[in-house]
Amino acid sequence: MLSSPHQHQGHSTTQLMQQVLLATVPGIVVLWYFFGWGILINLLWISSLGLLLEGLTQILRGRSMIDALSDYSALVTAVLLAVSIPSTAPWWLGLIGISAAILLGKQVYGGLGYNPFNPAMVGYVVLLISFPVQMTRWLSPLVPSPSFNDSILMFADIEPIVGYDAYTGATILDAYREHQGGQLFTEFLSQSPLHGTWASYGWEWVNLAFLLGGLYLFYKKIITWHISLPLLASLSFLALIFHDGGSSASLGSPLLHLFSGATMLGAFFIATDPVSASTTTRGKVIYGLLIGVLIFCIRVWGNYPDAVAFSVLLGNFCSPLIDNLTKSKVFGERNV
């Protein structure tokens, strides 16, 4: 039987989750800077609901609510979901998302340690499939972010006086997929200041902030390189091959794919979930490579431009098989 990753790394579950939460702070600050108070409102709302749902399920199952809440796993799930949805999201979107994450993604399987899929991504995919319009209403980082009062109105599903709908739209990954075959990659980037220097204005900094948080997790030995680096390497390799020198047939540069969307959040905070990811050393590398390949393929040929959530869930689905094929053999064991 494979031993727990927590034991290998010398951290209790509580300590691990606390460090993960701390590492998300730079990304949260940058998201707030570019997209406004809605990010923090969603964070508070979804985190409160996540803790409430986690506690209630433990009471219904006759277990200790204090023990369940003190491991911070529900809070990590809530935070990862909250930073993944637009700042314009109404209250009911967060309610549905965190309910799916905690109840369907975690507790239905028995709670922490038994869930085969990343709970935050279960909640995110439920929202993306069910409410695609609301889940793609990201505000343009080029315009002033909504005031606190306007953010409260949008959270309450009330349209503020200022028409922010005019400033919501597709991310650069959506826009670039629509442009494919029309112009050179450099011409596409110069088309709009929203496209940024090499990835996407605003999202470049969001990804750099989550990269900083990921490096902190490396430093604290909360995660190892075996998942994150293969994921980024396979994504970069495919992007480099299909970049085609930036021609009109280019599928995007490695920098575009690395620093747009949720790439860094996925590589360091989502794919590395110790419960749903592969646990063997070789298995982690294969798991990371697989997710990187899936992100690229779904982004450029699929219907969902970001693709991190779907790729991680597909990786979760494959992780038991990967672990079985890469587990160490007992000394003296013979192949049958």
C-alpha atoms as a PDB file:
ATOM      1  CA  MET A   1       0.000   0.000   0.000  1.00  0.00           C
ATOM      2  CA  LEU A   2       1.333   3.456  -0.859  1.00  0.00           C
ATOM      3  CA  SER A   3       2.091   5.628   2.124  1.00  0.00           C
ATOM      4  CA  SER A   4       0.712   9.154   2.393  1.00  0.00           C
ATOM      5  CA  PRO A   5       2.509  12.082   0.748  1.00  0.00           C
ATOM      6  CA  HIS A   6       2.034  13.961   4.012  1.00  0.00           C
ATOM      7  CA  GLN A   7       4.280  11.489   5.790  1.00  0.00           C
ATOM      8  CA  HIS A   8       6.929  11.640   3.092  1.00  0.00           C
ATOM      9  CA  GLN A   9       7.159  15.415   3.304  1.00  0.00           C
ATOM     10  CA  GLY A  10       7.111  15.669   7.081  1.00  0.00           C
ATOM     11  CA  HIS A  11       4.060  17.944   7.279  1.00  0.00           C
ATOM     12  CA  SER A  12       0.730  17.346   8.958  1.00  0.00           C
ATOM     13  CA  THR A  13      -2.385  17.969   6.882  1.00  0.00           C
ATOM     14  CA  THR A  14      -3.081  21.163   8.813  1.00  0.00           C
ATOM     15  CA  GLN A  15       0.440  22.519   8.286  1.00  0.00           C
ATOM     16  CA  LEU A  16       0.358  21.638   4.587  1.00  0.00           C
ATOM     17  CA  MET A  17      -2.981  23.371   4.011  1.00  0.00           C
ATOM     18  CA  GLN A  18      -1.910  26.453   5.977  1.00  0.00           C
ATOM     19  CA  GLN A  19       1.184  26.838   3.805  1.00  0.00           C
ATOM     20  CA  VAL A  20      -0.879  26.411   0.628  1.00  0.00           C
ATOM     21  CA  LEU A  21      -3.244  29.151   1.785  1.00  0.00           C
ATOM     22  CA  LEU A  22      -0.314  31.448   2.540  1.00  0.00           C
ATOM     23  CA  ALA A  23       1.161  30.795  -0.904  1.00  0.00           C
ATOM     24  CA  THR A  24      -2.057  31.918  -2.623  1.00  0.00           C
ATOM     25  CA  VAL A  25      -1.829  35.420  -1.120  1.00  0.00           C
ATOM     26  CA  PRO A  26       0.323  37.001  -3.904  1.00  0.00           C
ATOM     27  CA  GLY A  27      -2.064  35.715  -6.579  1.00  0.00           C
ATOM     28  CA  ILE A  28      -5.120  36.927  -4.660  1.00  0.00           C
ATOM     29  CA  VAL A  29      -3.608  40.411  -4.236  1.00  0.00           C
ATOM     30  CA  VAL A  30      -2.837  40.701  -7.952  1.00  0.00           C
ATOM     31  CA  LEU A  31      -6.322  39.450  -8.909  1.00  0.00           C
ATOM     32  CA  TRP A  32      -7.836  42.071  -6.593  1.00  0.00           C
ATOM     33  CA  TYR A  33      -5.632  44.786  -8.136  1.00  0.00           C
ATOM     34  CA  PHE A  34      -6.706  44.034 -11.709  1.00  0.00           C
ATOM     35  CA  PHE A  35     -10.290  42.819 -11.230  1.00  0.00           C
ATOM     36  CA  GLY A  36     -11.569  44.591  -8.155  1.00  0.00           C
ATOM     37  CA  TRP A  37     -13.325  43.886  -4.904  1.00  0.00           C
ATOM     38  CA  GLY A  38     -15.425  41.095  -6.341  1.00  0.00           C
ATOM     39  CA  ILE A  39     -12.468  38.744  -5.963  1.00  0.00           C
ATOM     40  CA  LEU A  40     -12.337  39.345  -2.194  1.00  0.00           C
ATOM     41  CA  ILE A  41     -16.122  39.254  -1.828  1.00  0.00           C
ATOM     42  CA  ASN A  42     -16.243  35.880  -3.587  1.00  0.00           C
ATOM     43  CA  LEU A  43     -13.366  34.684  -1.429  1.00  0.00           C
ATOM     44  CA  LEU A  44     -15.156  35.574   1.818  1.00  0.00           C
ATOM     45  CA  TRP A  45     -18.541  34.227   0.653  1.00  0.00           C
ATOM     46  CA  ILE A  46     -17.318  30.935  -0.782  1.00  0.00           C
ATOM     47  CA  SER A  47     -14.922  30.288   2.112  1.00  0.00           C
ATOM     48  CA  SER A  48     -17.720  30.821   4.645  1.00  0.00           C
ATOM     49  CA  LEU A  49     -20.034  28.494   2.735  1.00  0.00           C
ATOM     50  CA  GLY A  50     -17.300  25.893   2.374  1.00  0.00           C
ATOM     51  CA  LEU A  51     -16.641  25.777   6.108  1.00  0.00           C
ATOM     52  CA  LEU A  52     -20.375  25.678   6.848  1.00  0.00           C
ATOM     53  CA  LEU A  53     -21.020  22.804   4.437  1.00  0.00           C
ATOM     54  CA  GLU A  54     -18.002  20.882   5.688  1.00  0.00           C
ATOM     55  CA  GLY A  55     -19.158  21.273   9.290  1.00  0.00           C
ATOM     56  CA  LEU A  56     -22.754  20.291   8.561  1.00  0.00           C
ATOM     57  CA  THR A  57     -21.767  17.143   6.707  1.00  0.00           C
ATOM     58  CA  GLN A  58     -19.611  16.055   9.624  1.00  0.00           C
ATOM     59  CA  ILE A  59     -22.491  16.585  12.068  1.00  0.00           C
ATOM     60  CA  LEU A  60     -24.849  14.564   9.844  1.00  0.00           C
ATOM     61  CA  ARG A  61     -22.294  11.751   9.695  1.00  0.00           C
ATOM     62  CA  GLY A  62     -21.778  11.762  13.452  1.00  0.00           C
ATOM     63  CA  ARG A  63     -18.185  12.973  13.236  1.00  0.00           C
ATOM     64  CA  SER A  64     -16.313  15.776  14.934  1.00  0.00           C
ATOM     65  CA  MET A  65     -16.942  19.088  13.185  1.00  0.00           C
ATOM     66  CA  ILE A  66     -13.940  20.679  14.922  1.00  0.00           C
ATOM     67  CA  ASP A  67     -11.533  18.015  13.659  1.00  0.00           C
ATOM     68  CA  ALA A  68     -12.802  18.365  10.103  1.00  0.00           C
ATOM     69  CA  LEU A  69     -12.559  22.150  10.022  1.00  0.00           C
ATOM     70  CA  SER A  70      -9.195  22.313  11.759  1.00  0.00           C
ATOM     71  CA  ASP A  71      -7.388  20.575   8.879  1.00  0.00           C
ATOM     72  CA  TYR A  72      -8.119  23.587   6.586  1.00  0.00           C
ATOM     73  CA  SER A  73      -8.817  21.331   3.583  1.00  0.00           C
ATOM     74  CA  ALA A  74     -12.308  22.772   3.056  1.00  0.00           C
ATOM     75  CA  LEU A  75     -10.872  26.284   3.209  1.00  0.00           C
ATOM     76  CA  VAL A  76      -8.236  25.444   0.585  1.00  0.00           C
ATOM     77  CA  THR A  77     -10.940  24.032  -1.700  1.00  0.00           C
ATOM     78  CA  ALA A  78     -13.017  27.184  -1.252  1.00  0.00           C
ATOM     79  CA  VAL A  79     -10.087  29.531  -1.924  1.00  0.00           C
ATOM     80  CA  LEU A  80      -9.020  27.686  -5.083  1.00  0.00           C
ATOM     81  CA  LEU A  81     -12.578  27.799  -6.396  1.00  0.00           C
ATOM     82  CA  ALA A  82     -13.044  31.472  -5.462  1.00  0.00           C
ATOM     83  CA  VAL A  83      -9.933  32.641  -7.334  1.00  0.00           C
ATOM     84  CA  SER A  84     -11.008  30.660 -10.400  1.00  0.00           C
ATOM     85  CA  ILE A  85     -14.356  32.383 -10.996  1.00  0.00           C
ATOM     86  CA  PRO A  86     -14.896  35.925 -12.308  1.00  0.00           C
ATOM     87  CA  SER A  87     -15.106  38.878  -9.939  1.00  0.00           C
ATOM     88  CA  THR A  88     -18.531  39.639 -11.458  1.00  0.00           C
ATOM     89  CA  ALA A  89     -19.990  36.331 -10.246  1.00  0.00           C
ATOM     90  CA  PRO A  90     -23.339  36.632  -8.398  1.00  0.00           C
ATOM     91  CA  TRP A  91     -23.815  35.067  -4.982  1.00  0.00           C
ATOM     92  CA  TRP A  92     -25.713  32.038  -6.252  1.00  0.00           C
ATOM     93  CA  LEU A  93     -22.874  31.027  -8.577  1.00  0.00           C
ATOM     94  CA  GLY A  94     -20.494  30.651  -5.645  1.00  0.00           C
ATOM     95  CA  LEU A  95     -23.149  28.800  -3.648  1.00  0.00           C
ATOM     96  CA  ILE A  96     -23.664  26.208  -6.387  1.00  0.00           C
ATOM     97  CA  GLY A  97     -19.936  25.871  -7.042  1.00  0.00           C
ATOM     98  CA  ILE A  98     -18.825  25.302  -3.463  1.00  0.00           C
ATOM     99  CA  SER A  99     -21.789  22.958  -2.829  1.00  0.00           C
ATOM    100  CA  ALA A 100     -20.685  20.820  -5.766  1.00  0.00           C
ATOM    101  CA  ALA A 101     -17.061  20.968  -4.612  1.00  0.00           C
ATOM    102  CA  ILE A 102     -17.649  19.974  -0.992  1.00  0.00           C
ATOM    103  CA  LEU A 103     -20.625  17.636  -1.365  1.00  0.00           C
ATOM    104  CA  LEU A 104     -20.054  16.010  -4.775  1.00  0.00           C
ATOM    105  CA  GLY A 105     -16.300  16.382  -5.060  1.00  0.00           C
ATOM    106  CA  LYS A 106     -15.345  15.429  -1.519  1.00  0.00           C
ATOM    107  CA  GLN A 107     -17.903  14.269   1.037  1.00  0.00           C
ATOM    108  CA  VAL A 108     -19.807  11.853  -1.211  1.00  0.00           C
ATOM    109  CA  TYR A 109     -16.628   9.751  -1.349  1.00  0.00           C
ATOM    110  CA  GLY A 110     -16.024   9.828   2.414  1.00  0.00           C
ATOM    111  CA  GLY A 111     -14.202  13.094   2.978  1.00  0.00           C
ATOM    112  CA  LEU A 112     -10.543  14.096   2.940  1.00  0.00           C
ATOM    113  CA  GLY A 113      -8.243  11.348   1.715  1.00  0.00           C
ATOM    114  CA  TYR A 114     -10.922   9.452  -0.208  1.00  0.00           C
ATOM    115  CA  ASN A 115     -11.893  11.856  -2.997  1.00  0.00           C
ATOM    116  CA  PRO A 116     -10.568  10.661  -6.390  1.00  0.00           C
ATOM    117  CA  PHE A 117     -11.021  14.081  -8.013  1.00  0.00           C
ATOM    118  CA  ASN A 118      -9.867  17.567  -7.017  1.00  0.00           C
ATOM    119  CA  PRO A 119     -12.954  19.021  -5.261  1.00  0.00           C
ATOM    120  CA  ALA A 120     -12.339  22.626  -6.342  1.00  0.00           C
ATOM    121  CA  MET A 121     -12.142  21.584  -9.985  1.00  0.00           C
ATOM    122  CA  VAL A 122     -15.312  19.503  -9.656  1.00  0.00           C
ATOM    123  CA  GLY A 123     -17.101  22.651  -8.510  1.00  0.00           C
ATOM    124  CA  TYR A 124     -15.519  24.743 -11.247  1.00  0.00           C
ATOM    125  CA  VAL A 125     -16.456  22.332 -14.041  1.00  0.00           C
ATOM    126  CA  VAL A 126     -20.048  22.089 -12.782  1.00  0.00           C
ATOM    127  CA  LEU A 127     -20.264  25.882 -13.002  1.00  0.00           C
ATOM    128  CA  LEU A 128     -18.531  26.148 -16.374  1.00  0.00           C
ATOM    129  CA  ILE A 129     -20.788  23.572 -18.013  1.00  0.00           C
ATOM    130  CA  SER A 130     -23.980  24.829 -16.376  1.00  0.00           C
ATOM    131  CA  PHE A 131     -23.412  28.594 -16.526  1.00  0.00           C
ATOM    132  CA  PRO A 132     -20.934  29.344 -19.315  1.00  0.00           C
ATOM    133  CA  VAL A 133     -22.040  32.976 -19.712  1.00  0.00           C
ATOM    134  CA  GLN A 134     -21.533  33.913 -16.064  1.00  0.00           C
ATOM    135  CA  MET A 135     -18.249  31.989 -15.911  1.00  0.00           C
ATOM    136  CA  THR A 136     -16.754  33.925 -18.829  1.00  0.00           C
ATOM    137  CA  ARG A 137     -17.701  37.446 -17.693  1.00  0.00           C
ATOM    138  CA  TRP A 138     -14.190  38.508 -16.742  1.00  0.00           C
ATOM    139  CA  LEU A 139     -13.760  42.285 -16.611  1.00  0.00           C
ATOM    140  CA  SER A 140     -11.130  43.879 -18.802  1.00  0.00           C
ATOM    141  CA  PRO A 141      -8.066  44.736 -16.688  1.00  0.00           C
ATOM    142  CA  LEU A 142      -7.557  47.828 -18.870  1.00  0.00           C
ATOM    143  CA  VAL A 143     -10.514  49.677 -17.344  1.00  0.00           C
ATOM    144  CA  PRO A 144     -10.803  50.864 -13.724  1.00  0.00           C
ATOM    145  CA  SER A 145     -12.050  48.033 -11.549  1.00  0.00           C
ATOM    146  CA  PRO A 146     -15.530  48.378 -10.007  1.00  0.00           C
ATOM    147  CA  SER A 147     -15.920  50.229  -6.732  1.00  0.00           C
ATOM    148  CA  PHE A 148     -16.739  48.308  -3.586  1.00  0.00           C
ATOM    149  CA  ASN A 149     -20.401  49.356  -3.824  1.00  0.00           C
ATOM    150  CA  ASP A 150     -20.653  48.288  -7.468  1.00  0.00           C
ATOM    151  CA  SER A 151     -19.003  44.983  -6.600  1.00  0.00           C
ATOM    152  CA  ILE A 152     -21.598  44.398  -3.880  1.00  0.00           C
ATOM    153  CA  LEU A 153     -24.380  45.099  -6.387  1.00  0.00           C
ATOM    154  CA  MET A 154     -22.936  42.614  -8.888  1.00  0.00           C
ATOM    155  CA  PHE A 155     -22.543  40.051  -6.110  1.00  0.00           C
ATOM    156  CA  ALA A 156     -26.227  40.574  -5.249  1.00  0.00           C
ATOM    157  CA  ASP A 157     -27.028  39.996  -8.956  1.00  0.00           C
ATOM    158  CA  ILE A 158     -28.113  43.629  -9.389  1.00  0.00           C
ATOM    159  CA  GLU A 159     -26.773  45.531 -12.386  1.00  0.00           C
ATOM    160  CA  PRO A 160     -24.895  48.637 -11.164  1.00  0.00           C
ATOM    161  CA  ILE A 161     -25.466  52.057 -12.725  1.00  0.00           C
ATOM    162  CA  VAL A 162     -22.163  51.813 -14.560  1.00  0.00           C
ATOM    163  CA  GLY A 163     -22.549  49.340 -17.422  1.00  0.00           C
ATOM    164  CA  TYR A 164     -19.679  46.941 -16.752  1.00  0.00           C
ATOM    165  CA  ASP A 165     -21.067  44.464 -19.271  1.00  0.00           C
ATOM    166  CA  ALA A 166     -19.402  46.544 -21.940  1.00  0.00           C
ATOM    167  CA  TYR A 167     -16.023  45.714 -20.407  1.00  0.00           C
ATOM    168  CA  THR A 168     -16.451  41.972 -20.060  1.00  0.00           C
ATOM    169  CA  GLY A 169     -15.451  39.513 -22.688  1.00  0.00           C
ATOM    170  CA  ALA A 170     -13.188  36.778 -23.910  1.00  0.00           C
ATOM    171  CA  THR A 171      -9.757  36.167 -22.464  1.00  0.00           C
ATOM    172  CA  ILE A 172      -6.709  36.192 -24.721  1.00  0.00           C
ATOM    173  CA  LEU A 173      -6.935  32.400 -25.075  1.00  0.00           C
ATOM    174  CA  ASP A 174     -10.448  32.766 -26.519  1.00  0.00           C
ATOM    175  CA  ALA A 175      -9.383  35.626 -28.765  1.00  0.00           C
ATOM    176  CA  TYR A 176      -6.299  33.858 -30.055  1.00  0.00           C
ATOM    177  CA  ARG A 177      -8.174  30.684 -30.922  1.00  0.00           C
ATOM    178  CA  GLU A 178     -10.625  32.758 -32.965  1.00  0.00           C
ATOM    179  CA  HIS A 179      -7.777  34.481 -34.834  1.00  0.00           C
ATOM    180  CA  GLN A 180      -5.874  31.308 -35.799  1.00  0.00           C
ATOM    181  CA  GLY A 181      -4.933  31.267 -39.470  1.00  0.00           C
ATOM    182  CA  GLY A 182      -5.520  34.980 -39.923  1.00  0.00           C
ATOM    183  CA  GLN A 183      -2.344  36.839 -39.001  1.00  0.00           C
ATOM    184  CA  LEU A 184       1.148  36.539 -37.569  1.00  0.00           C
ATOM    185  CA  PHE A 185       1.430  35.958 -33.841  1.00  0.00           C
ATOM    186  CA  THR A 186       3.277  39.259 -33.303  1.00  0.00           C
ATOM    187  CA  GLU A 187       0.584  41.081 -35.277  1.00  0.00           C
ATOM    188  CA  PHE A 188      -2.065  39.531 -33.045  1.00  0.00           C
ATOM    189  CA  LEU A 189      -0.296  40.711 -29.899  1.00  0.00           C
ATOM    190  CA  SER A 190       0.032  44.260 -31.252  1.00  0.00           C
ATOM    191  CA  GLN A 191      -3.659  44.330 -32.134  1.00  0.00           C
ATOM    192  CA  SER A 192      -4.766  45.364 -28.646  1.00  0.00           C
ATOM    193  CA  PRO A 193      -3.083  46.448 -25.382  1.00  0.00           C
ATOM    194  CA  LEU A 194      -5.259  43.798 -23.719  1.00  0.00           C
ATOM    195  CA  HIS A 195      -3.039  41.157 -25.328  1.00  0.00           C
ATOM    196  CA  GLY A 196      -0.118  42.296 -23.203  1.00  0.00           C
ATOM    197  CA  THR A 197       3.577  42.012 -23.939  1.00  0.00           C
ATOM    198  CA  TRP A 198       3.812  38.245 -24.380  1.00  0.00           C
ATOM    199  CA  ALA A 199       0.688  36.707 -22.884  1.00  0.00           C
ATOM    200  CA  SER A 200      -2.185  38.861 -21.643  1.00  0.00           C
ATOM    201  CA  TYR A 201      -2.305  42.167 -19.796  1.00  0.00           C
ATOM    202  CA  GLY A 202      -3.115  41.527 -16.166  1.00  0.00           C
ATOM    203  CA  TRP A 203      -3.021  37.748 -16.470  1.00  0.00           C
ATOM    204  CA  GLU A 204       0.737  37.882 -17.013  1.00  0.00           C
ATOM    205  CA  TRP A 205       1.054  39.301 -13.506  1.00  0.00           C
ATOM    206  CA  VAL A 206      -1.535  36.949 -12.035  1.00  0.00           C
ATOM    207  CA  ASN A 207       0.433  33.963 -13.312  1.00  0.00           C
ATOM    208  CA  LEU A 208       3.733  35.423 -12.101  1.00  0.00           C
ATOM    209  CA  ALA A 209       2.172  35.875  -8.654  1.00  0.00           C
ATOM    210  CA  PHE A 210       0.995  32.252  -8.506  1.00  0.00           C
ATOM    211  CA  LEU A 211       4.425  31.189  -9.788  1.00  0.00           C
ATOM    212  CA  LEU A 212       5.931  33.048  -6.828  1.00  0.00           C
ATOM    213  CA  GLY A 213       3.545  31.198  -4.521  1.00  0.00           C
ATOM    214  CA  GLY A 214       4.525  27.910  -6.140  1.00  0.00           C
ATOM    215  CA  LEU A 215       8.222  28.619  -5.594  1.00  0.00           C
ATOM    216  CA  TYR A 216       7.417  29.297  -1.955  1.00  0.00           C
ATOM    217  CA  LEU A 217       5.788  25.863  -1.707  1.00  0.00           C
ATOM    218  CA  PHE A 218       8.931  24.349  -3.230  1.00  0.00           C
ATOM    219  CA  TYR A 219      11.058  26.219  -0.702  1.00  0.00           C
ATOM    220  CA  LYS A 220       8.938  25.022   2.227  1.00  0.00           C
ATOM    221  CA  LYS A 221       8.965  21.472   0.752  1.00  0.00           C
ATOM    222  CA  ILE A 222       5.183  21.348   0.656  1.00  0.00           C
ATOM    223  CA  ILE A 223       5.326  20.142  -2.937  1.00  0.00           C
ATOM    224  CA  THR A 224       8.085  18.669  -5.080  1.00  0.00           C
ATOM    225  CA  TRP A 225       9.025  19.316  -8.695  1.00  0.00           C
ATOM    226  CA  HIS A 226       7.742  15.966  -9.946  1.00  0.00           C
ATOM    227  CA  ILE A 227       4.296  17.228 -11.034  1.00  0.00           C
ATOM    228  CA  SER A 228       4.625  20.973 -11.614  1.00  0.00           C
ATOM    229  CA  LEU A 229       7.773  21.019 -13.735  1.00  0.00           C
ATOM    230  CA  PRO A 230       6.781  18.140 -16.066  1.00  0.00           C
ATOM    231  CA  LEU A 231       3.392  19.804 -16.523  1.00  0.00           C
ATOM    232  CA  LEU A 232       4.970  23.125 -17.515  1.00  0.00           C
ATOM    233  CA  ALA A 233       7.629  21.363 -19.599  1.00  0.00           C
ATOM    234  CA  SER A 234       5.169  19.334 -21.691  1.00  0.00           C
ATOM    235  CA  LEU A 235       2.925  22.372 -22.200  1.00  0.00           C
ATOM    236  CA  SER A 236       5.932  24.487 -23.248  1.00  0.00           C
ATOM    237  CA  PHE A 237       7.309  21.770 -25.527  1.00  0.00           C
ATOM    238  CA  LEU A 238       4.067  21.376 -27.457  1.00  0.00           C
ATOM    239  CA  ALA A 239       3.602  25.139 -27.665  1.00  0.00           C
ATOM    240  CA  LEU A 240       7.146  25.499 -28.992  1.00  0.00           C
ATOM    241  CA  ILE A 241       6.588  22.842 -31.660  1.00  0.00           C
ATOM    242  CA  PHE A 242       3.290  24.314 -32.846  1.00  0.00           C
ATOM    243  CA  HIS A 243       4.362  27.947 -32.485  1.00  0.00           C
ATOM    244  CA  ASP A 244       5.730  27.636 -36.011  1.00  0.00           C
ATOM    245  CA  GLY A 245       7.903  30.708 -35.630  1.00  0.00           C
ATOM    246  CA  GLY A 246       4.861  32.884 -35.037  1.00  0.00           C
ATOM    247  CA  SER A 247       3.368  32.254 -38.481  1.00  0.00           C
ATOM    248  CA  SER A 248      -0.289  32.659 -39.351  1.00  0.00           C
ATOM    249  CA  ALA A 249      -0.713  28.953 -38.579  1.00  0.00           C
ATOM    250  CA  SER A 250       0.823  29.319 -35.107  1.00  0.00           C
ATOM    251  CA  LEU A 251      -1.038  27.820 -32.148  1.00  0.00           C
ATOM    252  CA  GLY A 252       0.494  30.305 -29.713  1.00  0.00           C
ATOM    253  CA  SER A 253       3.895  30.822 -28.136  1.00  0.00           C
ATOM    254  CA  PRO A 254       5.129  28.996 -25.024  1.00  0.00           C
ATOM    255  CA  LEU A 255       4.906  32.283 -23.077  1.00  0.00           C
ATOM    256  CA  LEU A 256       1.289  32.724 -24.142  1.00  0.00           C
ATOM    257  CA  HIS A 257       0.364  29.298 -22.807  1.00  0.00           C
ATOM    258  CA  LEU A 258       2.461  29.567 -19.643  1.00  0.00           C
ATOM    259  CA  PHE A 259       1.285  32.995 -18.518  1.00  0.00           C
ATOM    260  CA  SER A 260      -2.351  33.074 -19.622  1.00  0.00           C
ATOM    261  CA  GLY A 261      -5.404  31.654 -17.929  1.00  0.00           C
ATOM    262  CA  ALA A 262      -4.895  29.449 -14.879  1.00  0.00           C
ATOM    263  CA  THR A 263      -1.647  27.762 -15.924  1.00  0.00           C
ATOM    264  CA  MET A 264       0.473  28.564 -12.858  1.00  0.00           C
ATOM    265  CA  LEU A 265      -2.438  28.139 -10.462  1.00  0.00           C
ATOM    266  CA  GLY A 266      -3.051  24.724 -11.976  1.00  0.00           C
ATOM    267  CA  ALA A 267       0.598  23.667 -12.021  1.00  0.00           C
ATOM    268  CA  PHE A 268       1.424  24.514  -8.406  1.00  0.00           C
ATOM    269  CA  PHE A 269      -1.852  24.528  -6.480  1.00  0.00           C
ATOM    270  CA  ILE A 270      -4.345  22.258  -8.247  1.00  0.00           C
ATOM    271  CA  ALA A 271      -2.501  19.447 -10.018  1.00  0.00           C
ATOM    272  CA  THR A 272      -0.357  18.903  -6.901  1.00  0.00           C
ATOM    273  CA  ASP A 273      -3.301  18.018  -4.649  1.00  0.00           C
ATOM    274  CA  PRO A 274      -1.829  15.135  -2.607  1.00  0.00           C
ATOM    275  CA  VAL A 275      -5.088  13.177  -2.478  1.00  0.00           C
ATOM    276  CA  SER A 276      -6.184  13.097  -6.113  1.00  0.00           C
ATOM    277  CA  ALA A 277      -2.742  13.207  -7.786  1.00  0.00           C
ATOM    278  CA  SER A 278      -0.402  10.293  -8.417  1.00  0.00           C
ATOM    279  CA  THR A 279       1.704   9.324  -5.414  1.00  0.00           C
ATOM    280  CA  THR A 280       4.654   7.356  -6.805  1.00  0.00           C
ATOM    281  CA  THR A 281       7.734   9.285  -7.908  1.00  0.00           C
ATOM    282  CA  ARG A 282       7.631   8.129 -11.530  1.00  0.00           C
ATOM    283  CA  GLY A 283       3.856   8.346 -11.502  1.00  0.00           C
ATOM    284  CA  LYS A 284       3.948  12.016 -10.532  1.00  0.00           C
ATOM    285  CA  VAL A 285       6.178  12.812 -13.503  1.00  0.00           C
ATOM    286  CA  ILE A 286       3.889  10.944 -15.922  1.00  0.00           C
ATOM    287  CA  TYR A 287       0.839  12.573 -14.315  1.00  0.00           C
ATOM    288  CA  GLY A 288       2.334  16.050 -14.728  1.00  0.00           C
ATOM    289  CA  LEU A 289       3.342  15.396 -18.333  1.00  0.00           C
ATOM    290  CA  LEU A 290      -0.150  14.107 -19.121  1.00  0.00           C
ATOM    291  CA  ILE A 291      -1.884  17.171 -17.700  1.00  0.00           C
ATOM    292  CA  GLY A 292       0.417  19.525 -19.630  1.00  0.00           C
ATOM    293  CA  VAL A 293      -0.365  17.691 -22.875  1.00  0.00           C
ATOM    294  CA  LEU A 294      -4.096  17.765 -22.152  1.00  0.00           C
ATOM    295  CA  ILE A 295      -4.052  21.501 -21.372  1.00  0.00           C
ATOM    296  CA  PHE A 296      -2.464  22.266 -24.729  1.00  0.00           C
ATOM    297  CA  CYS A 297      -4.703  19.924 -26.723  1.00  0.00           C
ATOM    298  CA  ILE A 298      -7.949  21.139 -25.161  1.00  0.00           C
ATOM    299  CA  ARG A 299      -6.894  24.779 -25.472  1.00  0.00           C
ATOM    300  CA  VAL A 300      -6.124  24.685 -29.169  1.00  0.00           C
ATOM    301  CA  TRP A 301      -8.478  21.976 -30.439  1.00  0.00           C
ATOM    302  CA  GLY A 302     -11.203  21.729 -27.808  1.00  0.00           C
ATOM    303  CA  ASN A 303     -14.138  23.908 -26.807  1.00  0.00           C
ATOM    304  CA  TYR A 304     -12.688  25.281 -23.557  1.00  0.00           C
ATOM    305  CA  PRO A 305      -9.778  27.713 -24.068  1.00  0.00           C
ATOM    306  CA  ASP A 306      -8.266  27.490 -20.583  1.00  0.00           C
ATOM    307  CA  ALA A 307      -8.638  23.722 -20.052  1.00  0.00           C
ATOM    308  CA  VAL A 308      -6.801  23.451 -16.718  1.00  0.00           C
ATOM    309  CA  ALA A 309      -9.812  22.136 -14.787  1.00  0.00           C
ATOM    310  CA  PHE A 310     -10.736  19.475 -17.350  1.00  0.00           C
ATOM    311  CA  SER A 311      -7.100  18.416 -17.742  1.00  0.00           C
ATOM    312  CA  VAL A 312      -6.600  18.001 -13.992  1.00  0.00           C
ATOM    313  CA  LEU A 313      -9.810  15.978 -13.624  1.00  0.00           C
ATOM    314  CA  LEU A 314      -8.771  13.705 -16.503  1.00  0.00           C
ATOM    315  CA  GLY A 315      -5.377  13.347 -14.827  1.00  0.00           C
ATOM    316  CA  ASN A 316      -7.116  12.458 -11.560  1.00  0.00           C
ATOM    317  CA  PHE A 317      -9.084   9.795 -13.434  1.00  0.00           C
ATOM    318  CA  CYS A 318      -5.831   8.270 -14.716  1.00  0.00           C
ATOM    319  CA  SER A 319      -3.786   8.551 -11.509  1.00  0.00           C
ATOM    320  CA  PRO A 320      -4.797   5.162  -9.973  1.00  0.00           C
ATOM    321  CA  LEU A 321      -3.719   3.388 -13.162  1.00  0.00           C
ATOM    322  CA  ILE A 322      -0.500   5.426 -13.325  1.00  0.00           C
ATOM    323  CA  ASP A 323       0.283   4.562  -9.711  1.00  0.00           C
ATOM    324  CA  ASN A 324      -0.420   0.878 -10.300  1.00  0.00           C
ATOM    325  CA  LEU A 325       1.927   0.778 -13.292  1.00  0.00           C
ATOM    326  CA  THR A 326       4.731   2.702 -11.567  1.00  0.00           C
ATOM    327  CA  LYS A 327       4.631   1.350  -8.014  1.00  0.00           C
ATOM    328  CA  SER A 328       7.824  -0.162  -6.640  1.00  0.00           C
ATOM    329  CA  LYS A 329       7.991  -3.933  -6.584  1.00  0.00           C
ATOM    330  CA  VAL A 330       8.472  -5.812  -3.355  1.00  0.00           C
ATOM    331  CA  PHE A 331      11.929  -7.360  -3.098  1.00  0.00           C
ATOM    332  CA  GLY A 332      11.812 -10.898  -4.489  1.00  0.00           C
ATOM    333  CA  GLU A 333       8.483 -10.368  -6.287  1.00  0.00           C
ATOM    334  CA  ARG A 334       8.258 -12.005  -9.702  1.00  0.00           C
ATOM    335  CA  ASN A 335       6.366 -10.811 -12.739  1.00  0.00           C
ATOM    336  CA  VAL A 336       3.399 -13.029 -13.501  1.00  0.00           C
END
